Amino acid sequence: MMNFPINQDRDYHILVVTSVAAEKDAVLRGLNASSSFDVVTSGVGSAAAAAATASALARTRYDLVVSAGIGGGFEGQAEVGSLVIANEIIAADLGAETETGFQTIEEIGMGPDRVIVDEGKIDIVKRALRSSDLVINIGPVLTLSTVTGTAQTAEKLARQVPGAAAEAMEGFGAATAAEMFGVDSMEIRAISNTVGPRDRSAWRITEALETLEAASFILSEVLIE
């Protein structure tokens, strides 16, 4: 069984941050009471995720923070029902509007607009998940304060971040808090809908939660000796 390169003198401890109760419940079902994980519900949005993550990290020592939940997948990059593992966690709408268009906080010199995920951790999780029937995609996951509801916005984001795989609302907040505490982070999203025109009737939330549960079960096995 594959394991992260951990300090064998103590248990490896992971914090999973979800935004809503349904996501937390799916993750908990998958983890099956593994003592290596704590799962918290932060509420919706980057600020809530950052606050909940920082609060947990201030109380307990963790080795990894995982932002986990459902999200939208960009057409041609992550289809409904698949799973996305972020290689970059990007604050895609944090910046400034200018006469020449949107500029990120990094472009205007106010700090980084993304957190880069450790390639070794991605590879271990990817290989473990690909031993299942899950369809796995690796790519940037965008953190947005407003989820996309039009084809025009979806196209703009795809141009802004080439290869963008998914969008959600919490990843950058959780990853930024983790970075401040010197803890590695990841983001995993089960795809419930295609990024673009908002059509709730086409969303597959139940199926996405089932995918999240299955991924959580495999993730728990990767980290248990």
Foldseek 3Di string as FASTA:
>chain_A
DAADPDDPVDAAAEEEEEADDLLQVLLCLLLVPDPRYDYDHQHFFAQSLLVVLLVVVVPDPHQEYEYEEAFAWAPPFADALAKEKEQKEFAQQDADQDPVGTDHCVRVPNDDGIDGADPVVVVLLVVLVVVDPHHYGYYYEYAYPDAAAAQVVSVVSCVVGPSHTTYGGHDVSNQVSCVVVVHGYIYMHRYQYHRHHDDVVSGRRVSSSNVSSNSSNSVSVNHDD
